[in-house]
Amino acid sequence: MRIPDAAHTGPIAVSNGEAMPIVVESETPLTVAVPLAIHLSPNPVKAGSVLSIEGADLDLVKSVIFAGGPEAAVNNASLNMATVDVPVGALTGPITVVTGNCSQAASSFDFTILLSTNAVITSMPSIAAPGDMIEIVGEHLDELNEVTFPGEAPATMFGLKTATLIQFFVPMNTAIGAGNIKFITFEGEEFFSPLINIQGVDPVDDPALVFFNFDGLDSWWGDTGAIENLPSLSLDSSNYFHVNASLDGWTGFFWRNGGNNFPGAVIGTNIGGYALKFDINVLEPSPAGNSPGG
């Protein structure tokens, strides 16, 4: 016989119902039926579609938990078959069947979810800076809703939004470096852009600690290049030093504070709590074996 899955594996004890029962143990251990999913169809599938689960003891299943957390009640369940509507928010991963007494059994294989959106990005910038307005060109882009940049910075200022073009400004608090723009579709799914490199400079926590900025702190900085401030190259509209010749050993690519104005008095003896930090914008790859510093 099949025993509800609330029971535990072990011998069966039979009572005669009296106040002092007579217990008779079975000769073989009881095996509790546990639902088992062995095949999913279709797989992969989009959210909102009906998923068929084939396996054993599936009539015990009341709901299915998908990777990502959403749970959906089964539409119907028989001994070897159960169906469920794939909820929005389901992710690729194993499914977990839940029985009437809340016990759970996870599949030994992954279920693959397809995005319900048809959005495709065909063109977008590979480099941008906070405050820039960028354009993304593609197809079915009107299916994309919320826009979030690296560092969990949501875009709040938009230009045009059509099926083939989206314009928006890069938030000022976007994380610097390479990352992907995350879109949330109207169905609540996540859609990611190709890689984009957000360029900029890290904020200065304490201006009193700045001892070198190419703006007149009586310092000097090597012999190959010059101070510039071209809008096309400056990352934050400040001056920079452009190394514009071949590097060789100690030539050009080094700086020295010559004004005796290093903020040692501010730092004091807590030198271990500080790190020397500066921004470099690499315009061309450095030849092999010719690293900064010689």
Protein backbone atom coordinates (compact mmCIF):
# COMPACT_ATOMS: atom_id res chain seq x y z
CA MET A 1 0.00 0.00 0.00
CA ARG A 2 0.97 3.69 -0.48
CA ILE A 3 1.31 5.68 2.77
CA PRO A 4 0.93 9.50 2.89
CA ASP A 5 4.28 11.21 2.78
CA ALA A 6 3.76 12.60 6.29
CA ALA A 7 4.88 9.19 7.57
CA HIS A 8 8.49 8.30 8.32
CA THR A 9 10.49 5.47 6.83
CA GLY A 10 10.65 2.46 9.14
CA PRO A 11 8.61 -0.52 10.41
CA ILE A 12 4.78 -0.34 10.50
CA ALA A 13 3.23 -0.52 13.98
CA VAL A 14 -0.35 -1.86 14.21
CA SER A 15 -2.54 -1.20 17.28
CA ASN A 16 -5.77 -2.93 18.32
CA GLY A 17 -7.19 0.36 19.54
CA GLU A 18 -7.32 -0.56 23.25
CA ALA A 19 -5.91 1.55 26.08
CA MET A 20 -2.91 -0.75 26.27
CA PRO A 21 -2.24 -1.45 22.58
CA ILE A 22 -0.57 -4.52 21.27
CA VAL A 23 2.12 -3.41 18.84
CA VAL A 24 3.09 -5.67 15.97
CA GLU A 25 5.95 -4.56 13.72
CA SER A 26 6.09 -5.39 10.03
CA GLU A 27 8.84 -7.64 8.76
CA THR A 28 10.00 -5.10 6.14
CA PRO A 29 10.54 -1.35 6.54
CA LEU A 30 7.92 1.04 5.24
CA THR A 31 9.03 3.12 2.24
CA VAL A 32 7.35 6.53 2.10
CA ALA A 33 6.28 7.72 -1.36
CA VAL A 34 8.16 10.85 -2.44
CA PRO A 35 7.20 12.68 -5.65
CA LEU A 36 9.83 12.47 -8.36
CA ALA A 37 10.09 14.70 -11.43
CA ILE A 38 11.92 12.98 -14.26
CA HIS A 39 10.91 14.98 -17.35
CA LEU A 40 9.67 18.51 -18.09
CA SER A 41 7.92 19.56 -21.27
CA PRO A 42 8.49 21.95 -22.91
CA ASN A 43 11.96 22.81 -21.69
CA PRO A 44 12.97 25.59 -22.21
CA VAL A 45 9.75 27.58 -21.92
CA LYS A 46 8.57 31.16 -21.41
CA ALA A 47 6.77 32.55 -18.37
CA GLY A 48 2.99 32.18 -18.67
CA SER A 49 3.22 28.88 -20.52
CA VAL A 50 1.92 25.55 -19.20
CA LEU A 51 4.65 23.22 -17.99
CA SER A 52 4.02 19.46 -17.92
CA ILE A 53 5.87 17.43 -15.29
CA GLU A 54 6.26 13.68 -15.76
CA GLY A 55 7.42 11.42 -12.97
CA ALA A 56 6.21 9.28 -10.09
CA ASP A 57 3.75 9.93 -7.25
CA LEU A 58 2.96 13.35 -8.65
CA ASP A 59 -0.62 13.16 -7.36
CA LEU A 60 0.86 14.17 -3.99
CA VAL A 61 2.10 17.47 -5.43
CA LYS A 62 0.14 20.64 -4.56
CA SER A 63 2.52 23.34 -5.84
CA VAL A 64 5.86 23.91 -7.58
CA ILE A 65 8.62 26.31 -6.49
CA PHE A 66 10.76 27.66 -9.33
CA ALA A 67 14.32 28.95 -9.15
CA GLY A 68 14.18 32.59 -8.17
CA GLY A 69 11.47 31.96 -5.56
CA PRO A 70 8.04 32.15 -7.26
CA GLU A 71 5.62 29.34 -6.36
CA ALA A 72 2.61 28.21 -8.40
CA ALA A 73 -0.21 25.77 -7.59
CA VAL A 74 -0.54 22.79 -9.90
CA ASN A 75 -3.50 22.83 -12.30
CA ASN A 76 -4.05 19.11 -12.01
CA ALA A 77 -2.01 16.15 -10.89
CA SER A 78 -2.20 12.41 -11.47
CA LEU A 79 0.10 9.60 -10.46
CA ASN A 80 2.55 10.19 -13.32
CA MET A 81 1.68 13.68 -14.62
CA ALA A 82 1.15 17.21 -13.27
CA THR A 83 0.80 20.58 -15.01
CA VAL A 84 1.56 24.08 -13.74
CA ASP A 85 1.55 27.61 -15.19
CA VAL A 86 5.10 29.02 -15.21
CA PRO A 87 4.95 32.23 -13.12
CA VAL A 88 6.62 35.55 -13.95
CA GLY A 89 9.96 35.77 -12.15
CA ALA A 90 10.88 32.11 -12.61
CA LEU A 91 14.57 31.63 -13.38
CA THR A 92 16.65 28.86 -14.87
CA GLY A 93 17.43 26.18 -12.30
CA PRO A 94 15.92 23.12 -10.62
CA ILE A 95 12.23 23.01 -9.75
CA THR A 96 10.96 21.89 -6.35
CA VAL A 97 7.66 20.03 -5.96
CA VAL A 98 5.76 20.66 -2.71
CA THR A 99 3.37 18.08 -1.27
CA GLY A 100 0.23 18.59 0.77
CA ASN A 101 2.11 18.40 4.07
CA CYS A 102 4.70 20.93 2.79
CA SER A 103 7.51 18.42 2.29
CA GLN A 104 9.68 19.27 -0.73
CA ALA A 105 11.65 17.39 -3.37
CA ALA A 106 13.94 19.14 -5.84
CA SER A 107 14.57 17.94 -9.38
CA SER A 108 18.04 16.63 -10.18
CA PHE A 109 18.18 18.67 -13.40
CA ASP A 110 17.64 22.29 -14.41
CA PHE A 111 14.54 23.82 -15.89
CA THR A 112 15.39 26.54 -18.44
CA ILE A 113 13.26 29.70 -18.62
CA LEU A 114 13.18 31.86 -21.73
CA LEU A 115 12.59 35.60 -21.61
CA SER A 116 9.12 36.45 -22.83
CA THR A 117 10.44 39.67 -24.40
CA ASN A 118 11.52 39.82 -28.04
CA ALA A 119 13.77 42.81 -27.39
CA VAL A 120 17.08 42.82 -29.25
CA ILE A 121 19.85 45.43 -28.93
CA THR A 122 21.64 45.97 -32.24
CA SER A 123 23.68 49.10 -31.44
CA MET A 124 24.78 50.95 -28.32
CA PRO A 125 27.91 52.80 -27.15
CA SER A 126 30.69 50.77 -25.58
CA ILE A 127 31.94 53.75 -23.53
CA ALA A 128 30.00 56.43 -21.64
CA ALA A 129 30.40 58.72 -18.66
CA PRO A 130 27.99 59.76 -15.90
CA GLY A 131 25.76 62.54 -17.21
CA ASP A 132 26.00 61.45 -20.85
CA MET A 133 22.85 60.77 -22.84
CA ILE A 134 23.22 57.48 -24.68
CA GLU A 135 21.13 55.88 -27.40
CA ILE A 136 20.26 52.20 -27.69
CA VAL A 137 19.02 50.96 -31.05
CA GLY A 138 17.27 47.64 -31.58
CA GLU A 139 13.96 45.87 -31.98
CA HIS A 140 10.96 45.57 -29.64
CA LEU A 141 12.66 47.93 -27.18
CA ASP A 142 9.23 49.18 -26.06
CA GLU A 143 8.94 45.90 -24.11
CA LEU A 144 11.70 47.15 -21.78
CA ASN A 145 10.65 49.25 -18.80
CA GLU A 146 12.96 50.09 -15.88
CA VAL A 147 16.64 50.89 -16.60
CA THR A 148 19.36 50.32 -14.00
CA PHE A 149 23.09 50.98 -14.44
CA PRO A 150 26.00 49.23 -12.66
CA GLY A 151 26.04 50.10 -8.98
CA GLU A 152 22.23 49.76 -8.85
CA ALA A 153 21.85 53.29 -10.21
CA PRO A 154 18.38 53.73 -11.78
CA ALA A 155 17.97 55.94 -14.83
CA THR A 156 15.39 58.67 -14.19
CA MET A 157 15.91 61.02 -17.17
CA PHE A 158 14.83 59.82 -20.61
CA GLY A 159 14.64 61.13 -24.16
CA LEU A 160 12.85 59.20 -26.88
CA LYS A 161 11.40 55.75 -26.14
CA THR A 162 10.16 53.79 -29.16
CA ALA A 163 10.21 50.19 -30.34
CA THR A 164 13.55 50.80 -32.09
CA LEU A 165 15.21 53.54 -30.01
CA ILE A 166 15.69 54.35 -26.33
CA GLN A 167 17.50 57.48 -25.11
CA PHE A 168 18.44 58.04 -21.46
CA PHE A 169 21.06 59.76 -19.33
CA VAL A 170 23.70 57.84 -17.40
CA PRO A 171 23.01 58.47 -13.68
CA MET A 172 25.73 60.38 -11.85
CA ASN A 173 26.06 57.62 -9.22
CA THR A 174 26.75 54.88 -11.78
CA ALA A 175 29.66 52.63 -10.79
CA ILE A 176 32.83 53.32 -12.75
CA GLY A 177 34.18 50.46 -14.86
CA ALA A 178 32.84 47.75 -17.14
CA GLY A 179 29.32 46.44 -16.55
CA ASN A 180 25.92 45.77 -18.05
CA ILE A 181 22.78 47.90 -18.10
CA LYS A 182 19.86 46.00 -16.57
CA PHE A 183 16.34 46.41 -17.93
CA ILE A 184 13.17 45.18 -16.26
CA THR A 185 10.49 44.21 -18.75
CA PHE A 186 6.80 44.95 -18.24
CA GLU A 187 6.50 41.27 -17.26
CA GLY A 188 9.01 41.75 -14.45
CA GLU A 189 11.86 39.90 -16.15
CA GLU A 190 15.51 41.00 -16.24
CA PHE A 191 17.15 41.78 -19.61
CA PHE A 192 20.81 42.81 -19.83
CA SER A 193 22.67 44.94 -22.37
CA PRO A 194 26.06 44.11 -23.86
CA LEU A 195 29.08 45.29 -21.86
CA ILE A 196 29.50 49.06 -21.46
CA ASN A 197 32.52 50.80 -19.92
CA ILE A 198 31.52 53.68 -17.64
CA GLN A 199 34.42 56.11 -17.46
CA GLY A 200 34.99 58.77 -14.86
CA VAL A 201 37.05 59.62 -11.80
CA ASP A 202 36.46 58.58 -8.23
CA PRO A 203 35.22 61.37 -5.95
CA VAL A 204 37.76 63.06 -3.69
CA ASP A 205 36.84 62.31 -0.08
CA ASP A 206 39.10 64.97 1.44
CA PRO A 207 40.50 67.74 -0.82
CA ALA A 208 43.12 68.51 1.83
CA LEU A 209 44.85 65.25 0.92
CA VAL A 210 45.26 66.16 -2.77
CA PHE A 211 48.91 66.98 -3.40
CA PHE A 212 49.09 66.50 -7.15
CA ASN A 213 46.43 67.57 -9.70
CA PHE A 214 48.23 69.34 -12.60
CA ASP A 215 46.58 72.60 -11.54
CA GLY A 216 49.52 74.42 -9.99
CA LEU A 217 50.67 72.71 -6.80
CA ASP A 218 54.32 73.42 -7.64
CA SER A 219 54.99 69.86 -8.71
CA TRP A 220 56.66 68.36 -11.74
CA TRP A 221 55.86 65.22 -13.63
CA GLY A 222 58.43 63.87 -15.99
CA ASP A 223 59.59 64.85 -19.43
CA THR A 224 57.35 63.22 -22.07
CA GLY A 225 54.04 64.96 -22.65
CA ALA A 226 52.21 68.05 -21.50
CA ILE A 227 49.32 69.35 -19.42
CA GLU A 228 46.06 69.36 -21.41
CA ASN A 229 42.33 69.81 -20.91
CA LEU A 230 40.60 68.56 -24.04
CA PRO A 231 36.88 67.89 -23.54
CA SER A 232 37.19 64.71 -25.58
CA LEU A 233 39.78 63.26 -23.18
CA SER A 234 39.20 64.83 -19.76
CA LEU A 235 37.04 62.54 -17.66
CA ASP A 236 35.78 65.28 -15.32
CA SER A 237 36.71 68.57 -17.08
CA SER A 238 39.87 68.99 -15.01
CA ASN A 239 43.47 69.25 -16.22
CA TYR A 240 45.41 66.10 -16.95
CA PHE A 241 48.90 65.18 -18.13
CA HIS A 242 48.95 63.56 -21.57
CA VAL A 243 51.89 61.21 -22.12
CA ASN A 244 52.22 61.63 -25.88
CA ALA A 245 55.50 59.90 -26.78
CA SER A 246 57.03 56.46 -26.59
CA LEU A 247 57.73 55.26 -23.06
CA ASP A 248 61.13 53.82 -22.28
CA GLY A 249 62.28 53.01 -18.78
CA TRP A 250 61.93 56.11 -16.58
CA THR A 251 60.99 58.40 -19.43
CA GLY A 252 57.80 60.42 -19.12
CA PHE A 253 55.44 58.20 -17.20
CA PHE A 254 56.20 59.29 -13.65
CA TRP A 255 55.46 62.22 -11.35
CA ARG A 256 57.12 63.71 -8.30
CA ASN A 257 55.80 66.10 -5.69
CA GLY A 258 58.45 68.85 -5.70
CA GLY A 259 56.65 71.49 -3.66
CA ASN A 260 57.22 69.97 -0.22
CA ASN A 261 53.47 70.04 0.32
CA PHE A 262 52.72 66.38 0.93
CA PRO A 263 49.92 66.39 3.56
CA GLY A 264 51.93 64.48 6.15
CA ALA A 265 50.61 66.61 8.98
CA VAL A 266 47.06 65.60 8.13
CA ILE A 267 47.90 61.92 7.83
CA GLY A 268 50.11 61.89 10.92
CA THR A 269 51.38 58.46 11.92
CA ASN A 270 48.31 56.62 10.63
CA ILE A 271 49.89 55.98 7.24
CA GLY A 272 48.50 52.44 7.23
CA GLY A 273 45.00 53.82 6.96
CA TYR A 274 45.66 55.53 3.60
CA ALA A 275 46.31 54.46 0.02
CA LEU A 276 47.93 56.42 -2.79
CA LYS A 277 45.31 56.81 -5.49
CA PHE A 278 45.17 58.46 -8.90
CA ASP A 279 43.20 58.08 -12.14
CA ILE A 280 44.71 56.92 -15.44
CA ASN A 281 42.91 56.94 -18.77
CA VAL A 282 44.67 54.44 -21.07
CA LEU A 283 44.17 55.53 -24.68
CA GLU A 284 46.37 52.90 -26.35
CA PRO A 285 47.70 49.53 -25.13
CA SER A 286 51.21 49.58 -23.71
CA PRO A 287 53.68 47.35 -25.62
CA ALA A 288 54.59 44.08 -23.94
CA GLY A 289 57.48 44.41 -21.53
CA ASN A 290 57.10 48.17 -21.26
CA SER A 291 55.08 48.51 -18.09
CA PRO A 292 54.75 51.78 -16.13
CA GLY A 293 57.73 52.44 -13.89
CA GLY A 294 60.25 50.85 -16.22
